[in-house]
Structures are given as structure tokens and as C-alpha cells.
């Protein structure tokens, strides 16, 4: 259990360093690799195909129109 004022910091797995804070502009820079990795994480943690589709849609990782990229990549 953590105390008041303690902070959990995530370490960068590759370098072992703490990643720099992201700005609002960074949120719009999502690579195709990041989208694919996010889809895999969601797929591994979904209960069934309906749950998977709902979560991917909620996170903007799939597009309702196959002709367009997912919302997170636009």
C-alpha cells in the first residue's frame, strides 16, 4: 500500500529511464506500431469477441469505415 504523496513512476522498458511527460500535441502522434501493440494488449485482455470489438471501438483503435484509418491515427 502506498502512502500519501507517493508517486508510482513507470520506467521505459528499453532504456530503464523515466519517460518525459507527453504534451497534448504528442497525443496526436500515434504510430502504426503503437496502434498494433495497443490492439494486441486489448485482445489479450478481452473476454470474448464482442468485448474485444467494444473495447477497440471505445479506444478508437478500429474504424467503422474500412476505407479510413482508425480515429486514433487520424
PDB file of N, CA and C in Angstrom:
ATOM      1  N   UNK A   1       0.845  -1.176   0.000  1.00  0.00           N
ATOM      2  CA  UNK A   1       0.000   0.000   0.000  1.00  0.00           C
ATOM      3  C   UNK A   1       0.885   1.232   0.000  1.00  0.00           C
ATOM      4  N   UNK A   2       0.550   2.243  -0.785  1.00  0.00           N
ATOM      5  CA  UNK A   2       1.390   3.424  -0.870  1.00  0.00           C
ATOM      6  C   UNK A   2       0.855   4.529   0.029  1.00  0.00           C
ATOM      7  N   UNK A   3       1.750   5.365   0.490  1.00  0.00           N
ATOM      8  CA  UNK A   3       1.367   6.455   1.380  1.00  0.00           C
ATOM      9  C   UNK A   3       0.942   7.683   0.615  1.00  0.00           C
ATOM     10  N   UNK A   4       0.428   8.643   1.353  1.00  0.00           N
ATOM     11  CA  UNK A   4       0.003   9.906   0.752  1.00  0.00           C
ATOM     12  C   UNK A   4       1.220  10.608   0.179  1.00  0.00           C
ATOM     13  N   UNK A   5       1.068  11.104  -1.006  1.00  0.00           N
ATOM     14  CA  UNK A   5       2.143  11.833  -1.658  1.00  0.00           C
ATOM     15  C   UNK A   5       3.118  10.959  -2.426  1.00  0.00           C
ATOM     16  N   UNK A   6       2.987   9.656  -2.326  1.00  0.00           N
ATOM     17  CA  UNK A   6       3.894   8.812  -3.091  1.00  0.00           C
ATOM     18  C   UNK A   6       3.448   8.774  -4.539  1.00  0.00           C
ATOM     19  N   UNK A   7       4.392   8.565  -5.404  1.00  0.00           N
ATOM     20  CA  UNK A   7       4.106   8.570  -6.828  1.00  0.00           C
ATOM     21  C   UNK A   7       4.628   7.293  -7.450  1.00  0.00           C
ATOM     22  N   UNK A   8       3.804   6.654  -8.256  1.00  0.00           N
ATOM     23  CA  UNK A   8       4.256   5.489  -8.999  1.00  0.00           C
ATOM     24  C   UNK A   8       4.776   5.987 -10.336  1.00  0.00           C
ATOM     25  N   UNK A   9       5.985   5.643 -10.669  1.00  0.00           N
ATOM     26  CA  UNK A   9       6.576   6.073 -11.927  1.00  0.00           C
ATOM     27  C   UNK A   9       6.848   4.857 -12.784  1.00  0.00           C
ATOM     28  N   UNK A  10       6.475   4.957 -14.036  1.00  0.00           N
ATOM     29  CA  UNK A  10       6.716   3.869 -14.982  1.00  0.00           C
ATOM     30  C   UNK A  10       8.061   4.069 -15.653  1.00  0.00           C
ATOM     31  N   UNK A  11       8.836   3.007 -15.683  1.00  0.00           N
ATOM     32  CA  UNK A  11      10.147   3.065 -16.311  1.00  0.00           C
ATOM     33  C   UNK A  11      10.028   2.654 -17.778  1.00  0.00           C
ATOM     34  N   UNK A  12      10.799   3.309 -18.618  1.00  0.00           N
ATOM     35  CA  UNK A  12      10.893   2.921 -20.013  1.00  0.00           C
ATOM     36  C   UNK A  12      11.576   1.559 -20.050  1.00  0.00           C
ATOM     37  N   UNK A  13      10.909   0.562 -20.632  1.00  0.00           N
ATOM     38  CA  UNK A  13      11.425  -0.802 -20.630  1.00  0.00           C
ATOM     39  C   UNK A  13      12.743  -0.944 -21.382  1.00  0.00           C
ATOM     40  N   UNK A  14      12.939  -0.161 -22.432  1.00  0.00           N
ATOM     41  CA  UNK A  14      14.135  -0.306 -23.247  1.00  0.00           C
ATOM     42  C   UNK A  14      15.354   0.362 -22.614  1.00  0.00           C
ATOM     43  N   UNK A  15      15.185   1.555 -22.064  1.00  0.00           N
ATOM     44  CA  UNK A  15      16.334   2.302 -21.565  1.00  0.00           C
ATOM     45  C   UNK A  15      16.433   2.279 -20.049  1.00  0.00           C
ATOM     46  N   UNK A  16      15.354   1.941 -19.348  1.00  0.00           N
ATOM     47  CA  UNK A  16      15.363   1.951 -17.893  1.00  0.00           C
ATOM     48  C   UNK A  16      15.179   3.342 -17.325  1.00  0.00           C
ATOM     49  N   UNK A  17      14.920   4.328 -18.183  1.00  0.00           N
ATOM     50  CA  UNK A  17      14.740   5.694 -17.709  1.00  0.00           C
ATOM     51  C   UNK A  17      13.257   6.044 -17.634  1.00  0.00           C
ATOM     52  N   UNK A  18      12.963   7.096 -16.907  1.00  0.00           N
ATOM     53  CA  UNK A  18      11.580   7.563 -16.798  1.00  0.00           C
ATOM     54  C   UNK A  18      11.274   8.396 -18.033  1.00  0.00           C
ATOM     55  N   UNK A  19      10.198   8.071 -18.766  1.00  0.00           N
ATOM     56  CA  UNK A  19       9.888   8.835 -19.978  1.00  0.00           C
ATOM     57  C   UNK A  19       9.472  10.266 -19.646  1.00  0.00           C
ATOM     58  N   UNK A  20       9.744  11.173 -20.556  1.00  0.00           N
ATOM     59  CA  UNK A  20       9.373  12.575 -20.387  1.00  0.00           C
ATOM     60  C   UNK A  20       7.855  12.716 -20.477  1.00  0.00           C
ATOM     61  N   UNK A  21       7.293  13.708 -19.800  1.00  0.00           N
ATOM     62  CA  UNK A  21       5.839  13.927 -19.895  1.00  0.00           C
ATOM     63  C   UNK A  21       5.436  14.213 -21.338  1.00  0.00           C
ATOM     64  N   UNK A  22       4.248  13.761 -21.691  1.00  0.00           N
ATOM     65  CA  UNK A  22       3.741  14.000 -23.042  1.00  0.00           C
ATOM     66  C   UNK A  22       2.898  15.251 -23.062  1.00  0.00           C
ATOM     67  N   UNK A  23       3.000  16.002 -24.131  1.00  0.00           N
ATOM     68  CA  UNK A  23       2.167  17.196 -24.298  1.00  0.00           C
ATOM     69  C   UNK A  23       0.898  16.802 -25.043  1.00  0.00           C
ATOM     70  N   UNK A  24      -0.039  17.738 -25.131  1.00  0.00           N
ATOM     71  CA  UNK A  24      -1.287  17.471 -25.855  1.00  0.00           C
ATOM     72  C   UNK A  24      -1.001  17.162 -27.322  1.00  0.00           C
ATOM     73  N   UNK A  25      -0.006  17.815 -27.895  1.00  0.00           N
ATOM     74  CA  UNK A  25       0.341  17.576 -29.301  1.00  0.00           C
ATOM     75  C   UNK A  25       0.854  16.153 -29.494  1.00  0.00           C
ATOM     76  N   UNK A  26       1.556  15.618 -28.497  1.00  0.00           N
ATOM     77  CA  UNK A  26       2.072  14.254 -28.594  1.00  0.00           C
ATOM     78  C   UNK A  26       0.955  13.230 -28.664  1.00  0.00           C
ATOM     79  N   UNK A  27      -0.176  13.527 -28.076  1.00  0.00           N
ATOM     80  CA  UNK A  27      -1.295  12.585 -28.079  1.00  0.00           C
ATOM     81  C   UNK A  27      -1.773  12.296 -29.493  1.00  0.00           C
ATOM     82  N   UNK A  28      -1.540  13.215 -30.388  1.00  0.00           N
ATOM     83  CA  UNK A  28      -1.981  13.025 -31.762  1.00  0.00           C
ATOM     84  C   UNK A  28      -0.934  12.316 -32.615  1.00  0.00           C
ATOM     85  N   UNK A  29       0.245  12.084 -32.072  1.00  0.00           N
ATOM     86  CA  UNK A  29       1.305  11.394 -32.805  1.00  0.00           C
ATOM     87  C   UNK A  29       1.348   9.942 -32.362  1.00  0.00           C
ATOM     88  N   UNK A  30       0.536   9.137 -32.999  1.00  0.00           N
ATOM     89  CA  UNK A  30       0.467   7.717 -32.664  1.00  0.00           C
ATOM     90  C   UNK A  30       0.920   6.933 -33.884  1.00  0.00           C
ATOM     91  N   UNK A  31       1.961   6.148 -33.704  1.00  0.00           N
ATOM     92  CA  UNK A  31       2.488   5.383 -34.830  1.00  0.00           C
ATOM     93  C   UNK A  31       1.637   4.136 -35.065  1.00  0.00           C
ATOM     94  N   UNK A  32       1.779   3.565 -36.231  1.00  0.00           N
ATOM     95  CA  UNK A  32       1.064   2.329 -36.560  1.00  0.00           C
ATOM     96  C   UNK A  32       1.505   1.202 -35.625  1.00  0.00           C
ATOM     97  N   UNK A  33       2.775   1.208 -35.243  1.00  0.00           N
ATOM     98  CA  UNK A  33       3.272   0.197 -34.300  1.00  0.00           C
ATOM     99  C   UNK A  33       2.575   0.326 -32.943  1.00  0.00           C
ATOM    100  N   UNK A  34       2.370   1.552 -32.472  1.00  0.00           N
ATOM    101  CA  UNK A  34       1.682   1.766 -31.196  1.00  0.00           C
ATOM    102  C   UNK A  34       0.235   1.288 -31.274  1.00  0.00           C
ATOM    103  N   UNK A  35      -0.413   1.563 -32.395  1.00  0.00           N
ATOM    104  CA  UNK A  35      -1.797   1.120 -32.579  1.00  0.00           C
ATOM    105  C   UNK A  35      -1.850  -0.406 -32.550  1.00  0.00           C
ATOM    106  N   UNK A  36      -0.940  -1.053 -33.254  1.00  0.00           N
ATOM    107  CA  UNK A  36      -0.919  -2.519 -33.293  1.00  0.00           C
ATOM    108  C   UNK A  36      -0.644  -3.111 -31.916  1.00  0.00           C
ATOM    109  N   UNK A  37       0.298  -2.525 -31.186  1.00  0.00           N
ATOM    110  CA  UNK A  37       0.608  -3.019 -29.843  1.00  0.00           C
ATOM    111  C   UNK A  37      -0.584  -2.844 -28.906  1.00  0.00           C
ATOM    112  N   UNK A  38      -1.282  -1.719 -29.025  1.00  0.00           N
ATOM    113  CA  UNK A  38      -2.466  -1.481 -28.197  1.00  0.00           C
ATOM    114  C   UNK A  38      -3.556  -2.492 -28.524  1.00  0.00           C
ATOM    115  N   UNK A  39      -3.735  -2.785 -29.804  1.00  0.00           N
ATOM    116  CA  UNK A  39      -4.738  -3.783 -30.204  1.00  0.00           C
ATOM    117  C   UNK A  39      -4.415  -5.152 -29.597  1.00  0.00           C
ATOM    118  N   UNK A  40      -3.138  -5.525 -29.597  1.00  0.00           N
ATOM    119  CA  UNK A  40      -2.737  -6.815 -29.033  1.00  0.00           C
ATOM    120  C   UNK A  40      -3.003  -6.877 -27.531  1.00  0.00           C
ATOM    121  N   UNK A  41      -2.720  -5.803 -26.828  1.00  0.00           N
ATOM    122  CA  UNK A  41      -2.976  -5.766 -25.384  1.00  0.00           C
ATOM    123  C   UNK A  41      -4.463  -5.904 -25.113  1.00  0.00           C
ATOM    124  N   UNK A  42      -5.276  -5.177 -25.870  1.00  0.00           N
ATOM    125  CA  UNK A  42      -6.731  -5.259 -25.694  1.00  0.00           C
ATOM    126  C   UNK A  42      -7.212  -6.672 -26.010  1.00  0.00           C
ATOM    127  N   UNK A  43      -6.698  -7.259 -27.090  1.00  0.00           N
ATOM    128  CA  UNK A  43      -7.119  -8.604 -27.481  1.00  0.00           C
ATOM    129  C   UNK A  43      -6.768  -9.634 -26.401  1.00  0.00           C
ATOM    130  N   UNK A  44      -5.586  -9.517 -25.820  1.00  0.00           N
ATOM    131  CA  UNK A  44      -5.161 -10.463 -24.791  1.00  0.00           C
ATOM    132  C   UNK A  44      -6.000 -10.352 -23.520  1.00  0.00           C
ATOM    133  N   UNK A  45      -6.605  -9.188 -23.291  1.00  0.00           N
ATOM    134  CA  UNK A  45      -7.346  -8.958 -22.054  1.00  0.00           C
ATOM    135  C   UNK A  45      -8.858  -8.915 -22.242  1.00  0.00           C
ATOM    136  N   UNK A  46      -9.337  -9.247 -23.425  1.00  0.00           N
ATOM    137  CA  UNK A  46     -10.772  -9.246 -23.699  1.00  0.00           C
ATOM    138  C   UNK A  46     -11.382 -10.594 -23.321  1.00  0.00           C
ATOM    139  N   UNK A  47     -12.630 -10.552 -22.902  1.00  0.00           N
ATOM    140  CA  UNK A  47     -13.325 -11.780 -22.512  1.00  0.00           C
ATOM    141  C   UNK A  47     -13.791 -12.587 -23.715  1.00  0.00           C
ATOM    142  N   UNK A  48     -14.260 -11.886 -24.758  1.00  0.00           N
ATOM    143  CA  UNK A  48     -14.744 -12.558 -25.961  1.00  0.00           C
ATOM    144  C   UNK A  48     -14.695 -11.575 -27.123  1.00  0.00           C
ATOM    145  N   UNK A  49     -15.143 -12.010 -28.303  1.00  0.00           N
ATOM    146  CA  UNK A  49     -15.043 -11.155 -29.489  1.00  0.00           C
ATOM    147  C   UNK A  49     -15.903  -9.897 -29.376  1.00  0.00           C
ATOM    148  N   UNK A  50     -17.058 -10.002 -28.721  1.00  0.00           N
ATOM    149  CA  UNK A  50     -17.906  -8.821 -28.526  1.00  0.00           C
ATOM    150  C   UNK A  50     -17.229  -7.795 -27.636  1.00  0.00           C
ATOM    151  N   UNK A  51     -16.610  -8.278 -26.567  1.00  0.00           N
ATOM    152  CA  UNK A  51     -15.869  -7.415 -25.651  1.00  0.00           C
ATOM    153  C   UNK A  51     -14.697  -6.766 -26.372  1.00  0.00           C
ATOM    154  N   UNK A  52     -13.998  -7.543 -27.197  1.00  0.00           N
ATOM    155  CA  UNK A  52     -12.866  -7.033 -27.965  1.00  0.00           C
ATOM    156  C   UNK A  52     -13.302  -5.897 -28.885  1.00  0.00           C
ATOM    157  N   UNK A  53     -14.350  -6.127 -29.661  1.00  0.00           N
ATOM    158  CA  UNK A  53     -14.828  -5.095 -30.600  1.00  0.00           C
ATOM    159  C   UNK A  53     -15.244  -3.833 -29.855  1.00  0.00           C
ATOM    160  N   UNK A  54     -15.958  -3.992 -28.742  1.00  0.00           N
ATOM    161  CA  UNK A  54     -16.424  -2.836 -27.973  1.00  0.00           C
ATOM    162  C   UNK A  54     -15.240  -2.027 -27.426  1.00  0.00           C
ATOM    163  N   UNK A  55     -14.248  -2.711 -26.867  1.00  0.00           N
ATOM    164  CA  UNK A  55     -13.087  -2.014 -26.317  1.00  0.00           C
ATOM    165  C   UNK A  55     -12.265  -1.323 -27.406  1.00  0.00           C
ATOM    166  N   UNK A  56     -12.038  -2.010 -28.523  1.00  0.00           N
ATOM    167  CA  UNK A  56     -11.286  -1.397 -29.620  1.00  0.00           C
ATOM    168  C   UNK A  56     -12.000  -0.161 -30.143  1.00  0.00           C
ATOM    169  N   UNK A  57     -13.326  -0.232 -30.244  1.00  0.00           N
ATOM    170  CA  UNK A  57     -14.113   0.906 -30.708  1.00  0.00           C
ATOM    171  C   UNK A  57     -14.038   2.053 -29.708  1.00  0.00           C
ATOM    172  N   UNK A  58     -14.195   1.756 -28.425  1.00  0.00           N
ATOM    173  CA  UNK A  58     -14.152   2.795 -27.391  1.00  0.00           C
ATOM    174  C   UNK A  58     -12.797   3.502 -27.368  1.00  0.00           C
ATOM    175  N   UNK A  59     -11.737   2.778 -27.629  1.00  0.00           N
ATOM    176  CA  UNK A  59     -10.397   3.351 -27.604  1.00  0.00           C
ATOM    177  C   UNK A  59      -9.992   3.986 -28.934  1.00  0.00           C
ATOM    178  N   UNK A  60     -10.854   3.880 -29.934  1.00  0.00           N
ATOM    179  CA  UNK A  60     -10.549   4.464 -31.236  1.00  0.00           C
ATOM    180  C   UNK A  60      -9.510   3.688 -32.008  1.00  0.00           C
ATOM    181  N   UNK A  61      -9.414   2.386 -31.727  1.00  0.00           N
ATOM    182  CA  UNK A  61      -8.397   1.557 -32.372  1.00  0.00           C
ATOM    183  C   UNK A  61      -8.907   0.823 -33.599  1.00  0.00           C
ATOM    184  N   UNK A  62     -10.194   0.932 -33.880  1.00  0.00           N
ATOM    185  CA  UNK A  62     -10.754   0.392 -35.117  1.00  0.00           C
ATOM    186  C   UNK A  62     -11.639   1.460 -35.738  1.00  0.00           C
ATOM    187  N   UNK A  63     -11.816   1.380 -37.026  1.00  0.00           N
ATOM    188  CA  UNK A  63     -12.642   2.338 -37.755  1.00  0.00           C
ATOM    189  C   UNK A  63     -13.945   1.679 -38.167  1.00  0.00           C
ATOM    190  N   UNK A  64     -15.020   2.439 -38.105  1.00  0.00           N
ATOM    191  CA  UNK A  64     -16.305   1.904 -38.558  1.00  0.00           C
ATOM    192  C   UNK A  64     -16.348   1.802 -40.080  1.00  0.00           C
ATOM    193  N   UNK A  65     -15.476   2.550 -40.754  1.00  0.00           N
ATOM    194  CA  UNK A  65     -15.378   2.531 -42.212  1.00  0.00           C
ATOM    195  C   UNK A  65     -14.031   1.921 -42.591  1.00  0.00           C
ATOM    196  N   UNK A  66     -14.014   0.759 -43.242  1.00  0.00           N
ATOM    197  CA  UNK A  66     -12.739   0.111 -43.598  1.00  0.00           C
ATOM    198  C   UNK A  66     -11.862   0.936 -44.526  1.00  0.00           C
ATOM    199  N   UNK A  67     -12.431   1.942 -45.181  1.00  0.00           N
ATOM    200  CA  UNK A  67     -11.674   2.801 -46.105  1.00  0.00           C
ATOM    201  C   UNK A  67     -10.831   3.834 -45.350  1.00  0.00           C
ATOM    202  N   UNK A  68     -11.141   4.080 -44.074  1.00  0.00           N
ATOM    203  CA  UNK A  68     -10.456   5.114 -43.301  1.00  0.00           C
ATOM    204  C   UNK A  68      -9.611   4.496 -42.192  1.00  0.00           C
ATOM    205  N   UNK A  69      -8.575   5.217 -41.779  1.00  0.00           N
ATOM    206  CA  UNK A  69      -7.779   4.722 -40.640  1.00  0.00           C
ATOM    207  C   UNK A  69      -8.584   4.858 -39.349  1.00  0.00           C
ATOM    208  N   UNK A  70      -8.197   4.152 -38.291  1.00  0.00           N
ATOM    209  CA  UNK A  70      -8.900   4.289 -37.025  1.00  0.00           C
ATOM    210  C   UNK A  70      -8.778   5.711 -36.489  1.00  0.00           C
ATOM    211  N   UNK A  71      -9.732   6.168 -35.680  1.00  0.00           N
ATOM    212  CA  UNK A  71      -9.707   7.538 -35.167  1.00  0.00           C
ATOM    213  C   UNK A  71      -8.395   7.927 -34.480  1.00  0.00           C
ATOM    214  N   UNK A  72      -7.771   6.996 -33.780  1.00  0.00           N
ATOM    215  CA  UNK A  72      -6.543   7.317 -33.066  1.00  0.00           C
ATOM    216  C   UNK A  72      -5.401   7.664 -34.029  1.00  0.00           C
ATOM    217  N   UNK A  73      -5.491   7.248 -35.275  1.00  0.00           N
ATOM    218  CA  UNK A  73      -4.434   7.506 -36.274  1.00  0.00           C
ATOM    219  C   UNK A  73      -4.731   8.703 -37.165  1.00  0.00           C
ATOM    220  N   UNK A  74      -5.885   9.276 -37.050  1.00  0.00           N
ATOM    221  CA  UNK A  74      -6.246  10.393 -37.945  1.00  0.00           C
ATOM    222  C   UNK A  74      -5.579  11.688 -37.560  1.00  0.00           C
TER     223      UNK A  74
END
